[in-house]
Amino acid sequence: LYWQTSLMQAEGGMDSIPRGFRDNLDPNTRIQLNVKATNLSRIADKILIHRSNSEVPIKADYCISTMAPPLLGRILDGSFPQIFKTALTKIYMVPACKVGWQAKSRFWEEENEIYGGISWTKHIIKQIWYPSHGFHSPKGILTGAYNYGAAAQIFGLMSPKQRMAAALEGGEKIHPNLFKRKVEKGLSIAWQNMPNQAGGWAYYKTQAENPDYLTINEHQGRLVLAGDYLSFLSGWMEGAVRSAEHAVKRIAIMADV
């Protein structure tokens, strides 16, 4: 099934995936964090990457961009085709929000015998996700809201405090007289409000015939794109991995290796 239930999860949390890549790089590889790309241009056989921490651009043989399409489209200069830049900015990024809770006890296990999975509701929070690990531990973390689309658009306009209040209200509808008493700390995030994110994932209607999707997949020389939005599995790690393999193959062909 296209939208099948998750079957695997990264041991140690999702951050273990990029850490795994980092730990297997050549020791001489330089990684710069918290540096913003401000402009990309191309000259002859190089890509110039202008950045926030230096007036001197990086002159690269190749550039693999994993930025959200609308954000990438805004920093490409006139050396790239206008139709390509426009197509990037027109890719629709789905609004998505989450609320996470730390609970005083794993009441969903103790009171409801719930071990993992999702509770769905008509409330604006849409879903509550239960952890599939750490069973019968003293405390637990659960997703108290996960919405997207129109509901997330409304949710994202709320203050963090208002989102937490709404998540408490929605949780009480599923776990009456338990939720408000048992959760103690929470946080919320609205991906569409994040300056370097632009949304949860890209969505295409009739993807295989979408002119913007087809345009951003066109070859752009030494600028190579990668991300789930370039695959037919937008929003899924598998799509991101597939696009990464495609990017590496494209560079290998250009480099004739």
C-alpha atoms as a PDB file:
ATOM      1  CA  LEU A   1       0.000   0.000   0.000  1.00  0.00           C
ATOM      2  CA  TYR A   2       1.209   3.515  -0.793  1.00  0.00           C
ATOM      3  CA  TRP A   3       0.388   4.983   2.639  1.00  0.00           C
ATOM      4  CA  GLN A   4       1.191   1.877   4.620  1.00  0.00           C
ATOM      5  CA  THR A   5       1.792   1.855   8.338  1.00  0.00           C
ATOM      6  CA  SER A   6       5.392   2.403   9.395  1.00  0.00           C
ATOM      7  CA  LEU A   7       7.145  -0.925   9.812  1.00  0.00           C
ATOM      8  CA  MET A   8      10.556   0.162  11.093  1.00  0.00           C
ATOM      9  CA  GLN A   9      12.042   2.931  13.207  1.00  0.00           C
ATOM     10  CA  ALA A  10      15.572   4.155  13.779  1.00  0.00           C
ATOM     11  CA  GLU A  11      17.132   2.804  16.961  1.00  0.00           C
ATOM     12  CA  GLY A  12      18.084   5.678  19.208  1.00  0.00           C
ATOM     13  CA  GLY A  13      15.796   8.171  17.480  1.00  0.00           C
ATOM     14  CA  MET A  14      15.695   9.702  14.034  1.00  0.00           C
ATOM     15  CA  ASP A  15      18.858  11.726  14.662  1.00  0.00           C
ATOM     16  CA  SER A  16      20.813   8.461  14.558  1.00  0.00           C
ATOM     17  CA  ILE A  17      20.389   8.426  10.753  1.00  0.00           C
ATOM     18  CA  PRO A  18      22.363  11.635  10.011  1.00  0.00           C
ATOM     19  CA  ARG A  19      24.800  10.739  12.790  1.00  0.00           C
ATOM     20  CA  GLY A  20      25.415   7.428  11.045  1.00  0.00           C
ATOM     21  CA  PHE A  21      26.285   9.213   7.797  1.00  0.00           C
ATOM     22  CA  ARG A  22      28.526  11.670   9.661  1.00  0.00           C
ATOM     23  CA  ASP A  23      30.424   8.947  11.503  1.00  0.00           C
ATOM     24  CA  ASN A  24      31.211   7.131   8.265  1.00  0.00           C
ATOM     25  CA  LEU A  25      32.601  10.136   6.397  1.00  0.00           C
ATOM     26  CA  ASP A  26      36.284  10.594   5.699  1.00  0.00           C
ATOM     27  CA  PRO A  27      37.853  12.156   8.835  1.00  0.00           C
ATOM     28  CA  ASN A  28      39.051  15.073   6.708  1.00  0.00           C
ATOM     29  CA  THR A  29      35.533  15.930   5.563  1.00  0.00           C
ATOM     30  CA  ARG A  30      34.486  19.374   6.772  1.00  0.00           C
ATOM     31  CA  ILE A  31      30.915  19.797   8.009  1.00  0.00           C
ATOM     32  CA  GLN A  32      29.552  23.283   8.590  1.00  0.00           C
ATOM     33  CA  LEU A  33      26.450  23.623  10.736  1.00  0.00           C
ATOM     34  CA  ASN A  34      24.154  26.620  11.240  1.00  0.00           C
ATOM     35  CA  VAL A  35      25.268  28.214   7.963  1.00  0.00           C
ATOM     36  CA  LYS A  36      22.583  29.494   5.606  1.00  0.00           C
ATOM     37  CA  ALA A  37      22.929  29.330   1.815  1.00  0.00           C
ATOM     38  CA  THR A  38      21.937  32.770   0.550  1.00  0.00           C
ATOM     39  CA  ASN A  39      22.529  32.494  -3.201  1.00  0.00           C
ATOM     40  CA  LEU A  40      23.478  29.884  -5.792  1.00  0.00           C
ATOM     41  CA  SER A  41      24.968  30.646  -9.196  1.00  0.00           C
ATOM     42  CA  ARG A  42      26.841  28.690 -11.836  1.00  0.00           C
ATOM     43  CA  ILE A  43      29.847  29.622 -13.924  1.00  0.00           C
ATOM     44  CA  ALA A  44      31.474  27.304 -16.456  1.00  0.00           C
ATOM     45  CA  ASP A  45      32.093  24.042 -14.600  1.00  0.00           C
ATOM     46  CA  LYS A  46      31.516  25.305 -11.051  1.00  0.00           C
ATOM     47  CA  ILE A  47      28.673  26.111  -8.672  1.00  0.00           C
ATOM     48  CA  LEU A  48      29.107  29.186  -6.467  1.00  0.00           C
ATOM     49  CA  ILE A  49      27.476  28.811  -3.061  1.00  0.00           C
ATOM     50  CA  HIS A  50      27.111  32.095  -1.191  1.00  0.00           C
ATOM     51  CA  ARG A  51      26.618  31.695   2.552  1.00  0.00           C
ATOM     52  CA  SER A  52      25.703  33.650   5.630  1.00  0.00           C
ATOM     53  CA  ASN A  53      29.008  33.263   7.476  1.00  0.00           C
ATOM     54  CA  SER A  54      31.389  34.493   4.761  1.00  0.00           C
ATOM     55  CA  GLU A  55      31.604  36.986   1.907  1.00  0.00           C
ATOM     56  CA  VAL A  56      33.630  34.463  -0.075  1.00  0.00           C
ATOM     57  CA  PRO A  57      31.454  31.856  -1.827  1.00  0.00           C
ATOM     58  CA  ILE A  58      32.282  28.172  -1.941  1.00  0.00           C
ATOM     59  CA  LYS A  59      33.372  27.196  -5.455  1.00  0.00           C
ATOM     60  CA  ALA A  60      32.133  23.619  -5.806  1.00  0.00           C
ATOM     61  CA  ASP A  61      32.375  21.022  -8.547  1.00  0.00           C
ATOM     62  CA  TYR A  62      28.829  19.894  -7.723  1.00  0.00           C
ATOM     63  CA  CYS A  63      26.086  21.000  -5.369  1.00  0.00           C
ATOM     64  CA  ILE A  64      23.444  18.640  -4.012  1.00  0.00           C
ATOM     65  CA  SER A  65      20.548  20.666  -2.651  1.00  0.00           C
ATOM     66  CA  THR A  66      18.032  19.106  -0.261  1.00  0.00           C
ATOM     67  CA  MET A  67      16.279  22.395   0.475  1.00  0.00           C
ATOM     68  CA  ALA A  68      12.503  22.670   0.297  1.00  0.00           C
ATOM     69  CA  PRO A  69      11.711  23.556  -3.346  1.00  0.00           C
ATOM     70  CA  PRO A  70      10.152  27.014  -2.691  1.00  0.00           C
ATOM     71  CA  LEU A  71      13.156  28.052  -0.597  1.00  0.00           C
ATOM     72  CA  LEU A  72      15.653  26.875  -3.207  1.00  0.00           C
ATOM     73  CA  GLY A  73      13.781  28.727  -5.940  1.00  0.00           C
ATOM     74  CA  ARG A  74      14.260  32.005  -4.071  1.00  0.00           C
ATOM     75  CA  ILE A  75      18.060  31.833  -3.893  1.00  0.00           C
ATOM     76  CA  LEU A  76      18.903  30.775  -7.459  1.00  0.00           C
ATOM     77  CA  ASP A  77      20.268  33.627  -9.562  1.00  0.00           C
ATOM     78  CA  GLY A  78      19.785  34.424 -13.243  1.00  0.00           C
ATOM     79  CA  SER A  79      22.228  31.750 -14.379  1.00  0.00           C
ATOM     80  CA  PHE A  80      19.437  29.209 -13.924  1.00  0.00           C
ATOM     81  CA  PRO A  81      16.386  29.053 -16.222  1.00  0.00           C
ATOM     82  CA  GLN A  82      13.459  31.154 -15.027  1.00  0.00           C
ATOM     83  CA  ILE A  83      11.019  28.321 -15.743  1.00  0.00           C
ATOM     84  CA  PHE A  84      12.998  26.103 -13.356  1.00  0.00           C
ATOM     85  CA  LYS A  85      13.080  28.724 -10.584  1.00  0.00           C
ATOM     86  CA  THR A  86       9.371  29.439 -10.977  1.00  0.00           C
ATOM     87  CA  ALA A  87       8.474  25.749 -10.849  1.00  0.00           C
ATOM     88  CA  LEU A  88      10.385  25.359  -7.576  1.00  0.00           C
ATOM     89  CA  THR A  89       8.524  28.238  -5.924  1.00  0.00           C
ATOM     90  CA  LYS A  90       5.167  26.816  -7.051  1.00  0.00           C
ATOM     91  CA  ILE A  91       5.616  23.422  -5.354  1.00  0.00           C
ATOM     92  CA  TYR A  92       2.949  23.190  -2.642  1.00  0.00           C
ATOM     93  CA  MET A  93       4.273  22.391   0.819  1.00  0.00           C
ATOM     94  CA  VAL A  94       1.615  20.907   3.104  1.00  0.00           C
ATOM     95  CA  PRO A  95       1.080  22.700   6.443  1.00  0.00           C
ATOM     96  CA  ALA A  96       1.692  20.239   9.298  1.00  0.00           C
ATOM     97  CA  CYS A  97       1.807  20.557  13.091  1.00  0.00           C
ATOM     98  CA  LYS A  98       2.635  18.327  16.033  1.00  0.00           C
ATOM     99  CA  VAL A  99       2.374  18.494  19.799  1.00  0.00           C
ATOM    100  CA  GLY A 100       4.569  16.280  21.953  1.00  0.00           C
ATOM    101  CA  TRP A 101       3.879  15.438  25.591  1.00  0.00           C
ATOM    102  CA  GLN A 102       5.935  13.998  28.417  1.00  0.00           C
ATOM    103  CA  ALA A 103       3.607  12.033  30.654  1.00  0.00           C
ATOM    104  CA  LYS A 104       3.958  11.384  34.378  1.00  0.00           C
ATOM    105  CA  SER A 105       3.035   7.770  33.732  1.00  0.00           C
ATOM    106  CA  ARG A 106       2.207   5.598  30.740  1.00  0.00           C
ATOM    107  CA  PHE A 107      -1.516   5.827  31.416  1.00  0.00           C
ATOM    108  CA  TRP A 108      -2.448   4.600  27.932  1.00  0.00           C
ATOM    109  CA  GLU A 109      -0.809   1.276  28.788  1.00  0.00           C
ATOM    110  CA  GLU A 110      -1.899   1.087  32.422  1.00  0.00           C
ATOM    111  CA  GLU A 111      -5.516   2.181  31.936  1.00  0.00           C
ATOM    112  CA  ASN A 112      -6.292   1.398  28.287  1.00  0.00           C
ATOM    113  CA  GLU A 113      -3.854  -1.403  27.365  1.00  0.00           C
ATOM    114  CA  ILE A 114      -2.644   0.563  24.346  1.00  0.00           C
ATOM    115  CA  TYR A 115       0.830  -0.422  23.157  1.00  0.00           C
ATOM    116  CA  GLY A 116       1.776   1.720  20.167  1.00  0.00           C
ATOM    117  CA  GLY A 117      -0.466   2.772  17.321  1.00  0.00           C
ATOM    118  CA  ILE A 118      -2.719   5.775  16.740  1.00  0.00           C
ATOM    119  CA  SER A 119      -6.025   7.100  18.070  1.00  0.00           C
ATOM    120  CA  TRP A 120      -7.953   9.154  15.514  1.00  0.00           C
ATOM    121  CA  THR A 121     -10.396  11.918  16.396  1.00  0.00           C
ATOM    122  CA  LYS A 122     -12.578  14.536  14.689  1.00  0.00           C
ATOM    123  CA  HIS A 123     -11.024  17.128  17.013  1.00  0.00           C
ATOM    124  CA  ILE A 124      -8.522  19.532  15.417  1.00  0.00           C
ATOM    125  CA  ILE A 125      -5.598  17.540  16.875  1.00  0.00           C
ATOM    126  CA  LYS A 126      -6.567  14.731  14.433  1.00  0.00           C
ATOM    127  CA  GLN A 127      -4.336  12.038  15.992  1.00  0.00           C
ATOM    128  CA  ILE A 128      -2.598  10.820  19.128  1.00  0.00           C
ATOM    129  CA  TRP A 129       0.416   8.588  18.542  1.00  0.00           C
ATOM    130  CA  TYR A 130       1.552   6.178  21.248  1.00  0.00           C
ATOM    131  CA  PRO A 131       5.174   5.062  21.616  1.00  0.00           C
ATOM    132  CA  SER A 132       6.090   1.574  20.436  1.00  0.00           C
ATOM    133  CA  HIS A 133       9.071   1.293  22.776  1.00  0.00           C
ATOM    134  CA  GLY A 134       9.875   1.576  26.475  1.00  0.00           C
ATOM    135  CA  PHE A 135       6.786  -0.369  27.510  1.00  0.00           C
ATOM    136  CA  HIS A 136       6.009  -0.124  31.260  1.00  0.00           C
ATOM    137  CA  SER A 137       8.702   2.508  31.856  1.00  0.00           C
ATOM    138  CA  PRO A 138       7.949   5.019  34.633  1.00  0.00           C
ATOM    139  CA  LYS A 139       7.249   7.822  32.134  1.00  0.00           C
ATOM    140  CA  GLY A 140       6.638   8.162  28.419  1.00  0.00           C
ATOM    141  CA  ILE A 141       6.515  10.513  25.452  1.00  0.00           C
ATOM    142  CA  LEU A 142       3.522  10.584  23.152  1.00  0.00           C
ATOM    143  CA  THR A 143       2.397  12.667  20.215  1.00  0.00           C
ATOM    144  CA  GLY A 144      -0.599  14.627  21.460  1.00  0.00           C
ATOM    145  CA  ALA A 145      -1.515  16.112  18.077  1.00  0.00           C
ATOM    146  CA  TYR A 146      -0.523  15.536  14.469  1.00  0.00           C
ATOM    147  CA  ASN A 147      -2.549  17.435  11.923  1.00  0.00           C
ATOM    148  CA  TYR A 148      -1.991  18.647   8.395  1.00  0.00           C
ATOM    149  CA  GLY A 149      -3.708  20.593   5.646  1.00  0.00           C
ATOM    150  CA  ALA A 150      -6.533  22.942   6.667  1.00  0.00           C
ATOM    151  CA  ALA A 151      -6.456  21.874  10.340  1.00  0.00           C
ATOM    152  CA  ALA A 152      -2.716  22.545  10.546  1.00  0.00           C
ATOM    153  CA  GLN A 153      -3.163  25.912   8.878  1.00  0.00           C
ATOM    154  CA  ILE A 154      -5.502  26.911  11.707  1.00  0.00           C
ATOM    155  CA  PHE A 155      -3.300  25.252  14.338  1.00  0.00           C
ATOM    156  CA  GLY A 156      -0.208  27.035  13.037  1.00  0.00           C
ATOM    157  CA  LEU A 157      -1.830  30.432  13.524  1.00  0.00           C
ATOM    158  CA  MET A 158      -2.283  29.695  17.231  1.00  0.00           C
ATOM    159  CA  SER A 159       0.329  30.569  19.815  1.00  0.00           C
ATOM    160  CA  PRO A 160       2.239  27.612  21.316  1.00  0.00           C
ATOM    161  CA  LYS A 161       0.216  28.084  24.521  1.00  0.00           C
ATOM    162  CA  GLN A 162      -3.057  27.906  22.588  1.00  0.00           C
ATOM    163  CA  ARG A 163      -1.914  24.757  20.776  1.00  0.00           C
ATOM    164  CA  MET A 164      -1.097  23.071  24.068  1.00  0.00           C
ATOM    165  CA  ALA A 165      -4.533  23.974  25.434  1.00  0.00           C
ATOM    166  CA  ALA A 166      -6.212  22.570  22.313  1.00  0.00           C
ATOM    167  CA  ALA A 167      -4.138  19.396  22.552  1.00  0.00           C
ATOM    168  CA  LEU A 168      -5.189  18.929  26.179  1.00  0.00           C
ATOM    169  CA  GLU A 169      -8.819  19.372  25.194  1.00  0.00           C
ATOM    170  CA  GLY A 170      -8.501  16.862  22.359  1.00  0.00           C
ATOM    171  CA  GLY A 171      -6.633  14.378  24.539  1.00  0.00           C
ATOM    172  CA  GLU A 172      -9.395  14.482  27.147  1.00  0.00           C
ATOM    173  CA  LYS A 173     -11.929  13.414  24.530  1.00  0.00           C
ATOM    174  CA  ILE A 174      -9.968  10.191  24.018  1.00  0.00           C
ATOM    175  CA  HIS A 175      -8.737   9.686  27.589  1.00  0.00           C
ATOM    176  CA  PRO A 176     -11.383  11.354  29.816  1.00  0.00           C
ATOM    177  CA  ASN A 177     -10.237  12.328  33.322  1.00  0.00           C
ATOM    178  CA  LEU A 178      -6.754  11.031  32.566  1.00  0.00           C
ATOM    179  CA  PHE A 179      -5.070  13.201  29.999  1.00  0.00           C
ATOM    180  CA  LYS A 180      -4.981  16.516  31.848  1.00  0.00           C
ATOM    181  CA  ARG A 181      -3.887  14.835  35.071  1.00  0.00           C
ATOM    182  CA  LYS A 182      -1.166  12.697  33.555  1.00  0.00           C
ATOM    183  CA  VAL A 183       0.710  14.888  31.038  1.00  0.00           C
ATOM    184  CA  GLU A 184       3.201  17.343  32.505  1.00  0.00           C
ATOM    185  CA  LYS A 185       5.440  18.914  29.853  1.00  0.00           C
ATOM    186  CA  GLY A 186       4.805  19.651  26.212  1.00  0.00           C
ATOM    187  CA  LEU A 187       6.049  21.368  23.105  1.00  0.00           C
ATOM    188  CA  SER A 188       4.589  22.130  19.702  1.00  0.00           C
ATOM    189  CA  ILE A 189       5.874  22.781  16.204  1.00  0.00           C
ATOM    190  CA  ALA A 190       4.307  24.110  13.020  1.00  0.00           C
ATOM    191  CA  TRP A 191       6.540  23.187  10.100  1.00  0.00           C
ATOM    192  CA  GLN A 192       5.071  25.843   7.820  1.00  0.00           C
ATOM    193  CA  ASN A 193       6.236  28.496  10.299  1.00  0.00           C
ATOM    194  CA  MET A 194       9.856  27.321  10.292  1.00  0.00           C
ATOM    195  CA  PRO A 195      12.015  29.696   8.204  1.00  0.00           C
ATOM    196  CA  ASN A 196      14.102  26.899   6.684  1.00  0.00           C
ATOM    197  CA  GLN A 197      11.361  24.305   6.261  1.00  0.00           C
ATOM    198  CA  ALA A 198       8.287  25.848   4.523  1.00  0.00           C
ATOM    199  CA  GLY A 199       5.957  22.949   5.383  1.00  0.00           C
ATOM    200  CA  GLY A 200       5.737  19.275   6.229  1.00  0.00           C
ATOM    201  CA  TRP A 201       6.124  17.759   2.755  1.00  0.00           C
ATOM    202  CA  ALA A 202       5.402  18.490  -0.888  1.00  0.00           C
ATOM    203  CA  TYR A 203       2.050  17.539  -2.369  1.00  0.00           C
ATOM    204  CA  TYR A 204       1.260  17.131  -6.045  1.00  0.00           C
ATOM    205  CA  LYS A 205      -2.072  16.550  -7.721  1.00  0.00           C
ATOM    206  CA  THR A 206      -1.693  14.104 -10.638  1.00  0.00           C
ATOM    207  CA  GLN A 207       2.038  14.054  -9.896  1.00  0.00           C
ATOM    208  CA  ALA A 208       3.171  12.213 -13.020  1.00  0.00           C
ATOM    209  CA  GLU A 209       1.546  14.918 -15.163  1.00  0.00           C
ATOM    210  CA  ASN A 210       2.270  17.911 -12.928  1.00  0.00           C
ATOM    211  CA  PRO A 211       4.255  20.424 -15.051  1.00  0.00           C
ATOM    212  CA  ASP A 212       6.093  21.885 -12.049  1.00  0.00           C
ATOM    213  CA  TYR A 213       7.127  18.441 -10.804  1.00  0.00           C
ATOM    214  CA  LEU A 214       8.345  17.489 -14.278  1.00  0.00           C
ATOM    215  CA  THR A 215      10.251  20.761 -14.608  1.00  0.00           C
ATOM    216  CA  ILE A 216      12.137  20.482 -11.299  1.00  0.00           C
ATOM    217  CA  ASN A 217      13.217  16.988 -12.323  1.00  0.00           C
ATOM    218  CA  GLU A 218      14.925  18.333 -15.443  1.00  0.00           C
ATOM    219  CA  HIS A 219      18.714  18.219 -15.516  1.00  0.00           C
ATOM    220  CA  GLN A 220      20.367  21.411 -14.205  1.00  0.00           C
ATOM    221  CA  GLY A 221      24.001  20.611 -14.786  1.00  0.00           C
ATOM    222  CA  ARG A 222      26.126  20.621 -11.666  1.00  0.00           C
ATOM    223  CA  LEU A 223      23.222  21.564  -9.412  1.00  0.00           C
ATOM    224  CA  VAL A 224      21.625  18.288  -8.367  1.00  0.00           C
ATOM    225  CA  LEU A 225      18.460  18.109  -6.297  1.00  0.00           C
ATOM    226  CA  ALA A 226      17.633  15.433  -3.743  1.00  0.00           C
ATOM    227  CA  GLY A 227      14.683  14.973  -1.413  1.00  0.00           C
ATOM    228  CA  ASP A 228      11.476  13.031  -1.008  1.00  0.00           C
ATOM    229  CA  TYR A 229       9.695  15.726  -3.046  1.00  0.00           C
ATOM    230  CA  LEU A 230      11.532  14.485  -6.169  1.00  0.00           C
ATOM    231  CA  SER A 231      10.153  10.968  -5.765  1.00  0.00           C
ATOM    232  CA  PHE A 232       6.724   9.393  -5.959  1.00  0.00           C
ATOM    233  CA  LEU A 233       6.919   8.878  -2.181  1.00  0.00           C
ATOM    234  CA  SER A 234       6.785  12.493  -1.020  1.00  0.00           C
ATOM    235  CA  GLY A 235       6.795  12.748   2.760  1.00  0.00           C
ATOM    236  CA  TRP A 236       8.481   9.377   3.279  1.00  0.00           C
ATOM    237  CA  MET A 237      12.092   8.512   4.065  1.00  0.00           C
ATOM    238  CA  GLU A 238      12.072   5.911   1.310  1.00  0.00           C
ATOM    239  CA  GLY A 239      11.408   8.674  -1.205  1.00  0.00           C
ATOM    240  CA  ALA A 240      14.333  10.695   0.149  1.00  0.00           C
ATOM    241  CA  VAL A 241      16.661   7.677  -0.052  1.00  0.00           C
ATOM    242  CA  ARG A 242      15.578   6.909  -3.613  1.00  0.00           C
ATOM    243  CA  SER A 243      16.191  10.496  -4.685  1.00  0.00           C
ATOM    244  CA  ALA A 244      19.627  10.432  -3.019  1.00  0.00           C
ATOM    245  CA  GLU A 245      20.586   7.337  -4.991  1.00  0.00           C
ATOM    246  CA  HIS A 246      19.405   9.063  -8.158  1.00  0.00           C
ATOM    247  CA  ALA A 247      21.481  12.169  -7.318  1.00  0.00           C
ATOM    248  CA  VAL A 248      24.635  10.113  -6.788  1.00  0.00           C
ATOM    249  CA  LYS A 249      24.104   8.286 -10.073  1.00  0.00           C
ATOM    250  CA  ARG A 250      23.576  11.591 -11.897  1.00  0.00           C
ATOM    251  CA  ILE A 251      26.860  12.990 -10.531  1.00  0.00           C
ATOM    252  CA  ALA A 252      28.686   9.751 -11.361  1.00  0.00           C
ATOM    253  CA  ILE A 253      27.514  10.020 -14.963  1.00  0.00           C
ATOM    254  CA  MET A 254      28.603  13.671 -15.208  1.00  0.00           C
ATOM    255  CA  ALA A 255      31.962  12.874 -13.602  1.00  0.00           C
ATOM    256  CA  ASP A 256      32.299   9.767 -15.774  1.00  0.00           C
ATOM    257  CA  VAL A 257      33.223   7.535 -12.835  1.00  0.00           C
END
